[in-house]
Amino acid sequence: MKTRTITRFILCLLVSLVTQNATAVARSSKAQIEHAFTDWIKGPLWQKARSKNISRATYQYAFKHVKLNWSLPDLRPPGHAPRRKPPVQSEFRAPGGYFKARSLNYNIAEGRKQLVKWQHSLDKIEQRYGVPREVIIAIWGKETAFGRARLPYRAIEVLATQAFMGRRKALFEKELLAALTILQQKHITARTMKSAWAGALGHPQFMPTAFLKYAVDFDGDGSINIWSSVPDALASIANFLNQNGWNPARRWGFEVQLPANISCTLEGPDQRIKTLAWQQQGMRRTDGHPFAHADMSKDSFLFLPAGRFGPRFLVSENFYVLKTYNESDVYALFVGHVADRMKAGSKFKRDWTRLSSFSRAQVEAAQLKLEKIGADVGGADGLIGYKTRISIGNWQSINGHEVTCFPNKAILEKISN
């Protein structure tokens, strides 16, 4: 055998041995983690569950077929170095992208069908909780496509995996203990307690702590079932909004005409003024109707999801109640708009302006620079919330730019330099 051939053979053998050894180590590491998971369930977690009055029978039943689910995102296996936060490079999605005609039309058309189908239940729910039926149905549609979305995970397994080796262990451990309480109360079986990947449950997508606080037995069968009882699910959504301060006397908000003399930096829940004061500055509803007389003495808030590059809104406290369900501005706007359209409301009068593309990383860099000069951007996370919009508007004003309260790529580069 030639020397070169022998050398190549030895190198291949060494590579093979190293690869096999690495695989064995990886398998051993995974096996050790799974063993530690079992020990955690038998020991520390059980002690915490027992302190929450979870019975041994319920506990053993809940974990009978539970294994670590390695397919879940955002895991931090014990004994492994924490994964570095991936660079925030995803392209920015303009607010208008949330309101594509196809999605709107589906939610409006199907929502109207569900309003008819569940009219009897909704009559009672609306009367008891004071939340408009269209808002309830709009949330149901957005969360789980009116109950049609597939929930493929067993909630206990998801929550246990995240509580043991997820990035937010404390949060998920609290949710796991709440899920065990749900089983203890016999509202659902472990097999049918299905969730999304982060443990959100049933048609309304409640986390277990929210279930315990807001979910209700509306159909009167003695159990709270937000997985297969639509009346329970819809009433639970209504109860959530009611308990978080929904005001039955007010709409969520209106699209408005924003006069040039009203600065876009006046946006947000921290800058409330009376509806009458907004009107006196020239603000009007785009549908031509006057503001309700009862609203004139009430606080209202300017909401500009794309600054001056899109529809403008004057919202009530109910808009921020919607944000307690999901903290996203555009989620709350989507729900409010779909609810209005179900009642024959019109499309937005003002179009969303086509915005230049930029990345979240560029937004984050600009936010960090704005923070250095004393601006409150609400956290440098690459997301353009109202505090970032206000900060950009103030920067534009100080530096002699048109005040739009929304960036483009050029503005972000100028702020960052």
Protein backbone atom coordinates (compact mmCIF):
# COMPACT_ATOMS: atom_id res chain seq x y z
CA MET A 1 0.00 0.00 0.00
CA LYS A 2 1.39 3.39 -0.96
CA THR A 3 2.32 5.85 1.79
CA ARG A 4 -0.27 8.44 0.60
CA THR A 5 -3.03 5.81 0.62
CA ILE A 6 -2.06 4.63 4.13
CA THR A 7 -2.05 8.22 5.39
CA ARG A 8 -5.51 8.85 3.89
CA PHE A 9 -6.80 5.62 5.47
CA ILE A 10 -5.49 6.60 8.92
CA LEU A 11 -7.01 10.09 8.66
CA CYS A 12 -10.39 8.66 7.66
CA LEU A 13 -10.22 6.22 10.59
CA LEU A 14 -9.41 9.03 13.03
CA VAL A 15 -12.26 11.18 11.69
CA SER A 16 -14.62 8.23 12.03
CA LEU A 17 -13.56 7.58 15.62
CA VAL A 18 -13.88 11.25 16.57
CA THR A 19 -17.33 11.44 14.97
CA GLN A 20 -18.51 8.29 16.74
CA ASN A 21 -17.15 9.57 20.06
CA ALA A 22 -18.88 12.96 19.61
CA THR A 23 -22.15 11.22 18.80
CA ALA A 24 -21.81 9.04 21.88
CA VAL A 25 -21.11 12.09 24.03
CA ALA A 26 -24.14 13.89 22.56
CA ARG A 27 -26.35 10.86 23.17
CA SER A 28 -25.02 10.56 26.70
CA SER A 29 -25.63 14.25 27.31
CA LYS A 30 -29.19 14.02 26.05
CA ALA A 31 -29.82 10.91 28.14
CA GLN A 32 -28.41 12.66 31.21
CA ILE A 33 -30.67 15.66 30.65
CA GLU A 34 -33.72 13.43 30.29
CA HIS A 35 -32.74 11.61 33.48
CA ALA A 36 -32.40 14.96 35.26
CA PHE A 37 -35.84 15.92 33.93
CA THR A 38 -37.33 12.79 35.48
CA ASP A 39 -35.60 13.55 38.79
CA TRP A 40 -36.91 17.12 38.69
CA ILE A 41 -40.47 15.89 38.18
CA LYS A 42 -40.17 13.35 41.01
CA GLY A 43 -38.51 15.75 43.42
CA PRO A 44 -38.49 19.58 43.30
CA LEU A 45 -41.50 20.00 41.03
CA TRP A 46 -43.61 17.56 43.03
CA GLN A 47 -42.83 19.45 46.23
CA LYS A 48 -44.05 22.69 44.65
CA ALA A 49 -47.15 21.00 43.23
CA ARG A 50 -47.99 19.50 46.62
CA SER A 51 -47.73 22.96 48.19
CA LYS A 52 -50.40 24.06 45.67
CA ASN A 53 -52.71 21.25 46.90
CA ILE A 54 -52.19 19.06 43.84
CA SER A 55 -52.93 15.46 44.82
CA ARG A 56 -50.47 12.66 44.20
CA ALA A 57 -53.03 10.93 41.97
CA THR A 58 -53.52 14.01 39.79
CA TYR A 59 -49.77 14.56 39.57
CA GLN A 60 -48.97 11.01 38.51
CA TYR A 61 -51.83 11.05 36.01
CA ALA A 62 -50.64 14.36 34.49
CA PHE A 63 -47.07 13.12 33.94
CA LYS A 64 -47.86 9.54 32.95
CA HIS A 65 -46.73 9.92 29.33
CA VAL A 66 -44.76 13.16 29.52
CA LYS A 67 -41.31 13.35 27.94
CA LEU A 68 -39.01 16.21 27.10
CA ASN A 69 -40.10 17.72 23.80
CA TRP A 70 -36.83 18.59 22.09
CA SER A 71 -38.62 20.06 19.07
CA LEU A 72 -39.88 23.14 20.91
CA PRO A 73 -38.24 26.51 20.23
CA ASP A 74 -36.38 28.67 22.72
CA LEU A 75 -34.85 25.83 24.78
CA ARG A 76 -31.76 26.10 26.99
CA PRO A 77 -30.77 22.53 27.96
CA PRO A 78 -29.04 22.33 31.37
CA GLY A 79 -25.31 21.87 31.20
CA HIS A 80 -25.14 23.55 27.81
CA ALA A 81 -23.85 27.05 27.28
CA PRO A 82 -26.73 29.46 26.68
CA ARG A 83 -27.31 30.03 23.01
CA ARG A 84 -26.34 33.48 21.92
CA LYS A 85 -29.28 35.63 21.04
CA PRO A 86 -29.63 35.45 17.25
CA PRO A 87 -29.00 38.74 15.50
CA VAL A 88 -32.21 40.65 14.90
CA GLN A 89 -32.07 40.76 11.12
CA SER A 90 -35.62 39.96 10.07
CA GLU A 91 -37.08 42.50 7.70
CA PHE A 92 -39.47 45.02 9.17
CA ARG A 93 -43.12 44.32 8.48
CA ALA A 94 -45.09 47.50 7.86
CA PRO A 95 -48.34 47.75 9.87
CA GLY A 96 -50.35 47.63 6.65
CA GLY A 97 -49.18 44.05 6.09
CA TYR A 98 -51.34 42.98 9.01
CA PHE A 99 -54.46 44.09 7.15
CA LYS A 100 -54.30 42.15 3.92
CA ALA A 101 -57.67 41.91 2.19
CA ARG A 102 -57.70 38.10 2.18
CA SER A 103 -57.31 37.85 5.95
CA LEU A 104 -59.77 40.64 6.63
CA ASN A 105 -62.38 39.26 4.27
CA TYR A 106 -62.17 35.77 5.76
CA ASN A 107 -62.50 37.01 9.33
CA ILE A 108 -65.37 39.35 8.47
CA ALA A 109 -67.36 36.86 6.37
CA GLU A 110 -66.83 33.89 8.66
CA GLY A 111 -67.35 36.07 11.72
CA ARG A 112 -70.79 37.10 10.46
CA LYS A 113 -71.71 33.43 10.07
CA GLN A 114 -70.60 32.72 13.62
CA LEU A 115 -72.63 35.67 14.90
CA VAL A 116 -75.73 34.03 13.47
CA LYS A 117 -74.81 30.51 14.55
CA TRP A 118 -74.14 31.47 18.17
CA GLN A 119 -76.69 34.28 18.45
CA HIS A 120 -78.53 32.75 21.41
CA SER A 121 -75.37 32.35 23.49
CA LEU A 122 -74.03 35.74 22.43
CA ASP A 123 -77.24 37.47 23.51
CA LYS A 124 -76.67 36.20 27.05
CA ILE A 125 -72.90 36.75 27.01
CA GLU A 126 -73.24 40.34 25.82
CA GLN A 127 -75.89 41.04 28.45
CA ARG A 128 -73.82 39.55 31.28
CA TYR A 129 -70.38 40.97 30.44
CA GLY A 130 -71.12 44.12 28.47
CA VAL A 131 -68.65 43.31 25.67
CA PRO A 132 -69.90 43.62 22.07
CA ARG A 133 -70.40 40.26 20.41
CA GLU A 134 -68.48 41.38 17.34
CA VAL A 135 -65.38 42.02 19.45
CA ILE A 136 -65.66 38.57 21.05
CA ILE A 137 -66.03 36.86 17.68
CA ALA A 138 -63.18 38.89 16.16
CA ILE A 139 -60.82 37.71 18.90
CA TRP A 140 -61.97 34.11 18.46
CA GLY A 141 -61.28 34.34 14.75
CA LYS A 142 -57.86 35.90 15.21
CA GLU A 143 -56.75 33.46 17.89
CA THR A 144 -57.82 30.08 16.46
CA ALA A 145 -59.73 30.73 13.22
CA PHE A 146 -63.04 30.22 15.04
CA GLY A 147 -61.78 27.05 16.71
CA ARG A 148 -60.46 25.48 13.51
CA ALA A 149 -56.77 25.97 14.19
CA ARG A 150 -54.95 22.80 15.13
CA LEU A 151 -53.53 22.63 18.64
CA PRO A 152 -51.04 19.77 18.27
CA TYR A 153 -49.31 19.76 21.65
CA ARG A 154 -50.13 18.20 25.00
CA ALA A 155 -50.07 21.20 27.32
CA ILE A 156 -48.42 19.46 30.29
CA GLU A 157 -45.54 18.23 28.14
CA VAL A 158 -45.00 21.65 26.56
CA LEU A 159 -45.11 23.50 29.87
CA ALA A 160 -42.92 20.95 31.65
CA THR A 161 -40.28 21.09 28.90
CA GLN A 162 -40.23 24.89 28.95
CA ALA A 163 -40.20 25.00 32.76
CA PHE A 164 -37.24 22.61 32.88
CA MET A 165 -35.08 23.90 30.05
CA GLY A 166 -36.75 26.87 28.41
CA ARG A 167 -35.43 30.42 28.40
CA ARG A 168 -38.17 31.60 30.78
CA LYS A 169 -38.22 28.78 33.31
CA ALA A 170 -39.88 30.68 36.18
CA LEU A 171 -42.74 31.87 34.00
CA PHE A 172 -43.45 28.42 32.60
CA GLU A 173 -43.16 26.71 35.97
CA LYS A 174 -45.91 29.01 37.24
CA GLU A 175 -48.02 28.12 34.19
CA LEU A 176 -47.32 24.41 34.64
CA LEU A 177 -48.53 24.49 38.24
CA ALA A 178 -51.65 26.33 37.07
CA ALA A 179 -52.25 23.64 34.42
CA LEU A 180 -51.99 20.97 37.13
CA THR A 181 -54.60 22.89 39.11
CA ILE A 182 -56.92 22.79 36.09
CA LEU A 183 -56.53 19.00 36.00
CA GLN A 184 -57.04 18.83 39.77
CA GLN A 185 -60.35 20.65 39.29
CA LYS A 186 -61.31 18.07 36.62
CA HIS A 187 -62.27 20.58 33.93
CA ILE A 188 -60.39 18.62 31.25
CA THR A 189 -58.28 15.48 30.88
CA ALA A 190 -54.53 15.55 30.40
CA ARG A 191 -54.95 13.94 26.98
CA THR A 192 -57.41 16.56 25.75
CA MET A 193 -55.68 19.56 27.33
CA LYS A 194 -54.20 20.65 24.00
CA SER A 195 -52.17 23.77 23.42
CA ALA A 196 -50.02 25.75 21.05
CA TRP A 197 -46.22 25.46 21.31
CA ALA A 198 -46.02 27.99 24.17
CA GLY A 199 -48.79 26.38 26.21
CA ALA A 200 -51.73 28.62 25.23
CA LEU A 201 -54.95 26.67 25.70
CA GLY A 202 -58.12 26.12 23.69
CA HIS A 203 -60.16 28.41 21.47
CA PRO A 204 -59.30 31.64 23.34
CA GLN A 205 -55.59 30.72 23.67
CA PHE A 206 -55.46 31.39 27.40
CA MET A 207 -52.33 30.57 29.34
CA PRO A 208 -53.23 28.35 32.32
CA THR A 209 -53.04 31.23 34.83
CA ALA A 210 -55.47 33.20 32.65
CA PHE A 211 -57.74 30.15 32.47
CA LEU A 212 -57.94 30.00 36.26
CA LYS A 213 -58.66 33.71 36.47
CA TYR A 214 -61.03 34.30 33.55
CA ALA A 215 -62.42 31.07 32.08
CA VAL A 216 -66.08 30.36 32.90
CA ASP A 217 -68.60 27.54 32.66
CA PHE A 218 -71.23 29.27 30.55
CA ASP A 219 -73.04 26.24 29.18
CA GLY A 220 -73.79 25.05 32.72
CA ASP A 221 -72.45 21.51 32.42
CA GLY A 222 -70.31 21.79 35.56
CA SER A 223 -66.92 22.07 33.86
CA ILE A 224 -65.02 24.85 32.13
CA ASN A 225 -64.17 23.58 28.67
CA ILE A 226 -62.60 26.15 26.34
CA TRP A 227 -61.52 23.37 23.95
CA SER A 228 -64.87 22.04 22.77
CA SER A 229 -67.59 24.21 24.35
CA VAL A 230 -67.96 27.30 22.19
CA PRO A 231 -70.24 29.06 24.74
CA ASP A 232 -67.59 28.54 27.43
CA ALA A 233 -64.87 29.83 25.12
CA LEU A 234 -66.79 32.93 23.99
CA ALA A 235 -67.95 33.81 27.49
CA SER A 236 -64.40 33.39 28.77
CA ILE A 237 -63.12 35.91 26.21
CA ALA A 238 -65.86 38.32 27.27
CA ASN A 239 -65.09 37.81 30.96
CA PHE A 240 -61.40 38.49 30.30
CA LEU A 241 -62.18 41.83 28.68
CA ASN A 242 -64.79 42.71 31.31
CA GLN A 243 -62.42 41.98 34.18
CA ASN A 244 -59.69 44.07 32.53
CA GLY A 245 -61.90 47.15 32.38
CA TRP A 246 -64.02 47.08 29.22
CA ASN A 247 -66.37 50.08 29.22
CA PRO A 248 -69.69 49.10 27.58
CA ALA A 249 -70.53 52.77 27.01
CA ARG A 250 -67.65 53.38 24.58
CA ARG A 251 -66.37 52.14 21.23
CA TRP A 252 -62.77 50.99 20.93
CA GLY A 253 -62.00 53.95 18.68
CA PHE A 254 -62.42 55.60 15.28
CA GLU A 255 -60.38 56.38 12.23
CA VAL A 256 -59.88 60.15 12.13
CA GLN A 257 -58.61 62.97 9.98
CA LEU A 258 -55.45 64.35 11.59
CA PRO A 259 -54.93 68.06 10.91
CA ALA A 260 -51.38 69.23 10.26
CA ASN A 261 -51.47 71.35 13.42
CA ILE A 262 -51.79 68.24 15.64
CA SER A 263 -48.32 66.81 16.18
CA CYS A 264 -47.87 63.08 15.76
CA THR A 265 -45.70 63.20 18.89
CA LEU A 266 -48.93 63.52 20.93
CA GLU A 267 -49.61 59.82 20.45
CA GLY A 268 -50.01 57.23 23.16
CA PRO A 269 -51.75 56.32 26.41
CA ASP A 270 -49.59 58.74 28.41
CA GLN A 271 -50.99 61.79 26.58
CA ARG A 272 -54.73 61.67 27.10
CA ILE A 273 -56.96 64.64 26.55
CA LYS A 274 -60.73 65.06 26.31
CA THR A 275 -62.45 64.16 23.05
CA LEU A 276 -63.83 67.71 22.94
CA ALA A 277 -60.28 69.11 23.02
CA TRP A 278 -59.28 66.95 20.06
CA GLN A 279 -62.33 68.15 18.17
CA GLN A 280 -61.56 71.78 18.98
CA GLN A 281 -58.13 71.30 17.36
CA GLY A 282 -59.83 70.18 14.15
CA MET A 283 -59.92 66.40 14.47
CA ARG A 284 -62.89 64.69 12.78
CA ARG A 285 -64.07 61.12 12.20
CA THR A 286 -63.40 59.96 8.65
CA ASP A 287 -66.87 58.41 8.34
CA GLY A 288 -68.48 61.84 8.60
CA HIS A 289 -70.30 61.10 11.86
CA PRO A 290 -69.79 63.38 14.87
CA PHE A 291 -68.18 62.15 18.04
CA ALA A 292 -70.84 60.99 20.50
CA HIS A 293 -71.92 63.67 22.92
CA ALA A 294 -71.22 61.32 25.85
CA ASP A 295 -67.61 60.95 24.65
CA MET A 296 -66.86 64.66 24.65
CA SER A 297 -65.97 64.76 28.33
CA LYS A 298 -64.09 61.43 28.18
CA ASP A 299 -60.37 60.94 27.66
CA SER A 300 -59.27 59.79 24.22
CA PHE A 301 -55.86 58.86 22.88
CA LEU A 302 -54.13 59.43 19.55
CA PHE A 303 -52.97 56.19 17.94
CA LEU A 304 -50.73 56.29 14.86
CA PRO A 305 -49.45 52.77 14.05
CA ALA A 306 -47.50 54.06 11.03
CA GLY A 307 -47.02 57.66 12.13
CA ARG A 308 -48.36 59.92 9.40
CA PHE A 309 -47.85 57.12 6.83
CA GLY A 310 -51.24 55.48 7.17
CA PRO A 311 -54.63 55.59 8.85
CA ARG A 312 -54.86 57.64 12.05
CA PHE A 313 -57.06 56.78 15.00
CA LEU A 314 -58.56 58.27 18.13
CA VAL A 315 -59.06 55.46 20.62
CA SER A 316 -60.72 54.97 23.99
CA GLU A 317 -59.56 53.03 27.02
CA ASN A 318 -61.18 49.98 25.42
CA PHE A 319 -58.39 49.87 22.86
CA TYR A 320 -55.91 49.34 25.68
CA VAL A 321 -58.20 46.69 27.18
CA LEU A 322 -57.82 44.83 23.88
CA LYS A 323 -54.07 45.14 24.33
CA THR A 324 -54.30 43.27 27.62
CA TYR A 325 -55.42 40.28 25.54
CA ASN A 326 -52.47 40.70 23.18
CA GLU A 327 -50.03 43.55 23.68
CA SER A 328 -49.56 44.17 19.96
CA ASP A 329 -50.94 47.50 18.70
CA VAL A 330 -51.89 46.04 15.33
CA TYR A 331 -53.56 43.02 16.95
CA ALA A 332 -55.88 45.33 18.90
CA LEU A 333 -56.52 47.41 15.79
CA PHE A 334 -57.24 44.30 13.72
CA VAL A 335 -59.80 43.07 16.26
CA GLY A 336 -61.48 46.47 16.49
CA HIS A 337 -61.58 46.94 12.74
CA VAL A 338 -62.93 43.43 12.02
CA ALA A 339 -65.58 43.92 14.71
CA ASP A 340 -66.64 47.20 13.06
CA ARG A 341 -66.73 45.62 9.60
CA MET A 342 -68.98 42.82 10.84
CA LYS A 343 -71.51 45.55 11.64
CA ALA A 344 -71.22 46.96 8.10
CA GLY A 345 -68.49 49.38 9.00
CA SER A 346 -66.31 50.65 6.17
CA LYS A 347 -62.74 50.01 5.14
CA PHE A 348 -60.02 52.37 6.30
CA LYS A 349 -60.45 55.66 4.45
CA ARG A 350 -56.74 56.33 4.31
CA ASP A 351 -54.41 53.84 2.66
CA TRP A 352 -51.28 52.46 4.24
CA THR A 353 -48.28 54.14 2.61
CA ARG A 354 -45.76 51.79 1.02
CA LEU A 355 -42.68 52.05 3.25
CA SER A 356 -39.06 51.42 2.39
CA SER A 357 -37.64 48.17 3.72
CA PHE A 358 -35.31 48.09 6.68
CA SER A 359 -34.38 45.54 9.30
CA ARG A 360 -35.17 45.26 12.97
CA ALA A 361 -31.43 45.42 13.59
CA GLN A 362 -31.37 48.90 12.03
CA VAL A 363 -34.29 49.96 14.22
CA GLU A 364 -32.54 48.59 17.30
CA ALA A 365 -29.35 50.48 16.45
CA ALA A 366 -31.33 53.72 16.13
CA GLN A 367 -33.15 53.03 19.40
CA LEU A 368 -29.85 52.56 21.22
CA LYS A 369 -28.59 55.88 19.86
CA LEU A 370 -31.82 57.64 20.84
CA GLU A 371 -31.51 56.21 24.36
CA LYS A 372 -28.01 57.66 24.63
CA ILE A 373 -29.40 61.15 24.05
CA GLY A 374 -32.08 60.65 26.70
CA ALA A 375 -35.09 59.46 24.68
CA ASP A 376 -37.49 56.86 26.06
CA VAL A 377 -38.01 54.40 23.21
CA GLY A 378 -39.71 51.78 25.36
CA GLY A 379 -36.73 49.43 25.12
CA ALA A 380 -34.28 48.80 22.30
CA ASP A 381 -35.93 45.73 20.80
CA GLY A 382 -36.13 46.57 17.11
CA LEU A 383 -39.90 47.08 17.32
CA ILE A 384 -41.55 50.38 16.52
CA GLY A 385 -43.93 50.98 19.40
CA TYR A 386 -45.52 54.30 20.24
CA LYS A 387 -42.59 55.44 22.41
CA THR A 388 -40.18 54.81 19.55
CA ARG A 389 -42.51 56.63 17.15
CA ILE A 390 -42.66 59.64 19.47
CA SER A 391 -38.87 59.62 19.93
CA ILE A 392 -38.34 59.53 16.17
CA GLY A 393 -40.79 62.41 15.75
CA ASN A 394 -38.97 64.48 18.36
CA TRP A 395 -35.61 63.72 16.70
CA GLN A 396 -37.03 64.74 13.30
CA SER A 397 -38.30 68.01 14.74
CA ILE A 398 -35.01 68.88 16.44
CA ASN A 399 -32.96 68.03 13.35
CA GLY A 400 -35.07 69.89 10.81
CA HIS A 401 -36.74 66.93 9.11
CA GLU A 402 -40.39 66.50 8.23
CA VAL A 403 -42.05 65.18 11.39
CA THR A 404 -43.67 61.86 10.45
CA CYS A 405 -43.07 59.87 13.67
CA PHE A 406 -42.06 56.88 11.60
CA PRO A 407 -38.70 55.95 10.13
CA ASN A 408 -37.44 55.09 6.72
CA LYS A 409 -34.03 53.59 6.02
CA ALA A 410 -32.40 56.99 5.53
CA ILE A 411 -33.73 58.36 8.82
CA LEU A 412 -32.56 55.28 10.71
CA GLU A 413 -29.06 55.67 9.25
CA LYS A 414 -28.93 59.37 10.17
CA ILE A 415 -30.05 58.67 13.75
CA SER A 416 -27.50 55.87 14.15
CA ASN A 417 -24.53 57.85 12.80
